[in-house]
């Protein structure tokens, strides 16, 4: 029974990936528009990380009995890239394809965008520590 569940799950994932590829190919042929570009990823990542930071600031402000305005402003600012990307997608395609493509962009870019900010911060810390000018160990041992 477990093997059947695994086969059905893998089959559903393969079917979902194939449907996304067919949708992307259809929009590229019909409208000449590509949904999954690097620019679209950065807009989605900006919106997702602003919303996450805004919700975090809001929750910590509520916990500390402070002003919640900072968190609300960040959440409202996260809607700007979302609306802009949806507008561009609708302008380049039609309403149904544009909204569907925008929803697919956010669904597919969400995990990568959520994990990209911490990985970027870790990489920046590594570069910062690696760039310190320390003398070689044989000079210290003298």
C-alpha atoms as a PDB file:
ATOM      1  CA  UNK A   1       0.000   0.000   0.000  1.00  0.00           C
ATOM      2  CA  UNK A   2       2.864   2.364   0.789  1.00  0.00           C
ATOM      3  CA  UNK A   3       4.357   1.758  -2.645  1.00  0.00           C
ATOM      4  CA  UNK A   4       1.028   2.677  -4.242  1.00  0.00           C
ATOM      5  CA  UNK A   5       0.922   5.929  -2.248  1.00  0.00           C
ATOM      6  CA  UNK A   6       4.469   6.770  -3.353  1.00  0.00           C
ATOM      7  CA  UNK A   7       3.662   5.980  -6.986  1.00  0.00           C
ATOM      8  CA  UNK A   8       0.526   8.133  -6.892  1.00  0.00           C
ATOM      9  CA  UNK A   9       2.433  11.009  -5.247  1.00  0.00           C
ATOM     10  CA  UNK A  10       5.272  10.856  -7.765  1.00  0.00           C
ATOM     11  CA  UNK A  11       2.768  10.606 -10.607  1.00  0.00           C
ATOM     12  CA  UNK A  12       0.856  13.638  -9.325  1.00  0.00           C
ATOM     13  CA  UNK A  13       4.080  15.659  -9.055  1.00  0.00           C
ATOM     14  CA  UNK A  14       5.157  14.669 -12.553  1.00  0.00           C
ATOM     15  CA  UNK A  15       1.695  15.568 -13.856  1.00  0.00           C
ATOM     16  CA  UNK A  16       1.816  18.951 -12.102  1.00  0.00           C
ATOM     17  CA  UNK A  17       5.245  19.720 -13.539  1.00  0.00           C
ATOM     18  CA  UNK A  18       4.067  18.705 -17.014  1.00  0.00           C
ATOM     19  CA  UNK A  19       0.972  20.936 -16.725  1.00  0.00           C
ATOM     20  CA  UNK A  20       3.138  23.898 -15.703  1.00  0.00           C
ATOM     21  CA  UNK A  21       5.456  23.257 -18.655  1.00  0.00           C
ATOM     22  CA  UNK A  22       2.489  23.033 -21.042  1.00  0.00           C
ATOM     23  CA  UNK A  23       1.034  26.289 -19.665  1.00  0.00           C
ATOM     24  CA  UNK A  24       4.361  28.047 -20.043  1.00  0.00           C
ATOM     25  CA  UNK A  25       4.828  26.741 -23.585  1.00  0.00           C
ATOM     26  CA  UNK A  26       1.263  27.715 -24.508  1.00  0.00           C
ATOM     27  CA  UNK A  27       1.716  31.295 -23.266  1.00  0.00           C
ATOM     28  CA  UNK A  28       5.079  31.601 -24.998  1.00  0.00           C
ATOM     29  CA  UNK A  29       3.598  30.457 -28.319  1.00  0.00           C
ATOM     30  CA  UNK A  30       0.330  32.400 -28.092  1.00  0.00           C
ATOM     31  CA  UNK A  31       1.472  35.648 -26.468  1.00  0.00           C
ATOM     32  CA  UNK A  32       5.259  35.561 -26.691  1.00  0.00           C
ATOM     33  CA  UNK A  33       5.452  36.071 -22.932  1.00  0.00           C
ATOM     34  CA  UNK A  34       7.527  34.063 -20.461  1.00  0.00           C
ATOM     35  CA  UNK A  35       6.359  33.908 -16.865  1.00  0.00           C
ATOM     36  CA  UNK A  36       9.344  32.269 -15.227  1.00  0.00           C
ATOM     37  CA  UNK A  37      12.172  34.760 -15.662  1.00  0.00           C
ATOM     38  CA  UNK A  38      14.853  36.048 -13.321  1.00  0.00           C
ATOM     39  CA  UNK A  39      13.147  39.457 -13.082  1.00  0.00           C
ATOM     40  CA  UNK A  40       9.874  37.828 -12.062  1.00  0.00           C
ATOM     41  CA  UNK A  41      11.718  35.799  -9.437  1.00  0.00           C
ATOM     42  CA  UNK A  42      13.286  38.901  -7.908  1.00  0.00           C
ATOM     43  CA  UNK A  43       9.939  40.719  -7.818  1.00  0.00           C
ATOM     44  CA  UNK A  44       8.320  37.723  -6.144  1.00  0.00           C
ATOM     45  CA  UNK A  45      11.230  37.329  -3.726  1.00  0.00           C
ATOM     46  CA  UNK A  46      11.037  41.008  -2.801  1.00  0.00           C
ATOM     47  CA  UNK A  47       7.310  40.797  -2.152  1.00  0.00           C
ATOM     48  CA  UNK A  48       7.518  37.552  -0.190  1.00  0.00           C
ATOM     49  CA  UNK A  49      10.418  38.687   1.998  1.00  0.00           C
ATOM     50  CA  UNK A  50       8.825  42.089   2.665  1.00  0.00           C
ATOM     51  CA  UNK A  51       5.606  40.374   3.721  1.00  0.00           C
ATOM     52  CA  UNK A  52       7.492  37.916   5.937  1.00  0.00           C
ATOM     53  CA  UNK A  53       9.493  40.722   7.566  1.00  0.00           C
ATOM     54  CA  UNK A  54       6.337  42.796   7.993  1.00  0.00           C
ATOM     55  CA  UNK A  55       4.487  39.954   9.712  1.00  0.00           C
ATOM     56  CA  UNK A  56       7.512  39.336  11.926  1.00  0.00           C
ATOM     57  CA  UNK A  57       7.741  43.019  12.915  1.00  0.00           C
ATOM     58  CA  UNK A  58       3.988  43.138  13.526  1.00  0.00           C
ATOM     59  CA  UNK A  59       4.045  40.054  15.753  1.00  0.00           C
ATOM     60  CA  UNK A  60       7.047  41.251  17.738  1.00  0.00           C
ATOM     61  CA  UNK A  61       5.451  44.687  18.177  1.00  0.00           C
ATOM     62  CA  UNK A  62       2.243  43.125  19.469  1.00  0.00           C
ATOM     63  CA  UNK A  63       4.254  40.929  21.832  1.00  0.00           C
ATOM     64  CA  UNK A  64       6.241  43.916  23.143  1.00  0.00           C
ATOM     65  CA  UNK A  65       3.200  46.248  23.292  1.00  0.00           C
ATOM     66  CA  UNK A  66       4.877  48.651  20.859  1.00  0.00           C
ATOM     67  CA  UNK A  67       3.622  50.455  17.775  1.00  0.00           C
ATOM     68  CA  UNK A  68       2.557  48.074  15.002  1.00  0.00           C
ATOM     69  CA  UNK A  69       2.948  50.630  12.221  1.00  0.00           C
ATOM     70  CA  UNK A  70       6.335  49.371  11.026  1.00  0.00           C
ATOM     71  CA  UNK A  71       5.028  45.889  10.360  1.00  0.00           C
ATOM     72  CA  UNK A  72       1.899  47.151   8.650  1.00  0.00           C
ATOM     73  CA  UNK A  73       3.913  49.443   6.384  1.00  0.00           C
ATOM     74  CA  UNK A  74       6.150  46.561   5.309  1.00  0.00           C
ATOM     75  CA  UNK A  75       3.149  44.344   4.589  1.00  0.00           C
ATOM     76  CA  UNK A  76       1.508  47.089   2.514  1.00  0.00           C
ATOM     77  CA  UNK A  77       4.800  47.673   0.663  1.00  0.00           C
ATOM     78  CA  UNK A  78       4.925  43.975  -0.172  1.00  0.00           C
ATOM     79  CA  UNK A  79       1.759  44.397  -2.244  1.00  0.00           C
ATOM     80  CA  UNK A  80       3.470  46.827  -4.644  1.00  0.00           C
ATOM     81  CA  UNK A  81       5.675  44.209  -6.399  1.00  0.00           C
ATOM     82  CA  UNK A  82       2.789  41.734  -6.404  1.00  0.00           C
ATOM     83  CA  UNK A  83       0.425  44.154  -8.111  1.00  0.00           C
ATOM     84  CA  UNK A  84       3.141  45.307 -10.508  1.00  0.00           C
ATOM     85  CA  UNK A  85       4.000  41.778 -11.592  1.00  0.00           C
ATOM     86  CA  UNK A  86       0.332  40.851 -12.007  1.00  0.00           C
ATOM     87  CA  UNK A  87      -0.195  44.037 -14.053  1.00  0.00           C
ATOM     88  CA  UNK A  88       2.725  43.199 -16.342  1.00  0.00           C
ATOM     89  CA  UNK A  89       1.522  39.628 -16.800  1.00  0.00           C
ATOM     90  CA  UNK A  90      -2.028  40.719 -17.599  1.00  0.00           C
ATOM     91  CA  UNK A  91      -0.758  43.421 -19.966  1.00  0.00           C
ATOM     92  CA  UNK A  92       1.403  40.944 -21.884  1.00  0.00           C
ATOM     93  CA  UNK A  93      -1.267  38.210 -21.979  1.00  0.00           C
ATOM     94  CA  UNK A  94      -4.977  38.327 -21.180  1.00  0.00           C
ATOM     95  CA  UNK A  95      -6.757  38.415 -17.811  1.00  0.00           C
ATOM     96  CA  UNK A  96      -7.126  34.669 -17.257  1.00  0.00           C
ATOM     97  CA  UNK A  97      -3.601  33.718 -18.374  1.00  0.00           C
ATOM     98  CA  UNK A  98      -2.061  36.684 -16.538  1.00  0.00           C
ATOM     99  CA  UNK A  99      -3.712  35.916 -13.218  1.00  0.00           C
ATOM    100  CA  UNK A 100      -3.026  32.192 -13.557  1.00  0.00           C
ATOM    101  CA  UNK A 101       0.604  32.820 -14.430  1.00  0.00           C
ATOM    102  CA  UNK A 102       1.012  35.247 -11.538  1.00  0.00           C
ATOM    103  CA  UNK A 103      -0.434  32.700  -9.122  1.00  0.00           C
ATOM    104  CA  UNK A 104       1.919  30.048 -10.494  1.00  0.00           C
ATOM    105  CA  UNK A 105       4.877  32.400 -10.155  1.00  0.00           C
ATOM    106  CA  UNK A 106       4.200  33.028  -6.482  1.00  0.00           C
ATOM    107  CA  UNK A 107       3.486  29.382  -5.742  1.00  0.00           C
ATOM    108  CA  UNK A 108       6.675  28.190  -7.417  1.00  0.00           C
ATOM    109  CA  UNK A 109       8.950  31.029  -6.326  1.00  0.00           C
ATOM    110  CA  UNK A 110       7.780  31.023  -2.692  1.00  0.00           C
ATOM    111  CA  UNK A 111      10.035  28.257  -1.309  1.00  0.00           C
ATOM    112  CA  UNK A 112      13.091  29.550  -3.121  1.00  0.00           C
ATOM    113  CA  UNK A 113      12.425  33.145  -2.074  1.00  0.00           C
ATOM    114  CA  UNK A 114      11.877  32.246   1.568  1.00  0.00           C
ATOM    115  CA  UNK A 115      15.123  30.299   1.779  1.00  0.00           C
ATOM    116  CA  UNK A 116      17.186  32.657  -0.385  1.00  0.00           C
ATOM    117  CA  UNK A 117      17.317  35.494   2.159  1.00  0.00           C
ATOM    118  CA  UNK A 118      18.837  33.444   5.021  1.00  0.00           C
ATOM    119  CA  UNK A 119      21.268  31.753   2.636  1.00  0.00           C
ATOM    120  CA  UNK A 120      22.247  35.164   1.267  1.00  0.00           C
ATOM    121  CA  UNK A 121      22.843  36.483   4.783  1.00  0.00           C
ATOM    122  CA  UNK A 122      24.957  33.446   5.665  1.00  0.00           C
ATOM    123  CA  UNK A 123      26.997  33.877   2.482  1.00  0.00           C
ATOM    124  CA  UNK A 124      27.523  37.568   3.271  1.00  0.00           C
ATOM    125  CA  UNK A 125      28.745  36.691   6.773  1.00  0.00           C
ATOM    126  CA  UNK A 126      31.172  34.122   5.352  1.00  0.00           C
ATOM    127  CA  UNK A 127      32.513  36.665   2.867  1.00  0.00           C
ATOM    128  CA  UNK A 128      32.829  39.233   5.650  1.00  0.00           C
ATOM    129  CA  UNK A 129      34.814  36.897   7.898  1.00  0.00           C
ATOM    130  CA  UNK A 130      36.906  35.616   5.004  1.00  0.00           C
ATOM    131  CA  UNK A 131      37.871  39.154   4.029  1.00  0.00           C
ATOM    132  CA  UNK A 132      39.465  39.986   7.394  1.00  0.00           C
ATOM    133  CA  UNK A 133      43.165  40.624   7.000  1.00  0.00           C
ATOM    134  CA  UNK A 134      44.810  38.299   9.472  1.00  0.00           C
ATOM    135  CA  UNK A 135      48.462  37.385   9.349  1.00  0.00           C
ATOM    136  CA  UNK A 136      49.596  33.891   8.577  1.00  0.00           C
ATOM    137  CA  UNK A 137      49.927  31.515  11.514  1.00  0.00           C
ATOM    138  CA  UNK A 138      53.733  31.283  11.244  1.00  0.00           C
ATOM    139  CA  UNK A 139      54.011  35.026  11.995  1.00  0.00           C
ATOM    140  CA  UNK A 140      51.886  34.680  15.107  1.00  0.00           C
ATOM    141  CA  UNK A 141      53.910  31.782  16.505  1.00  0.00           C
ATOM    142  CA  UNK A 142      57.204  33.733  16.687  1.00  0.00           C
END
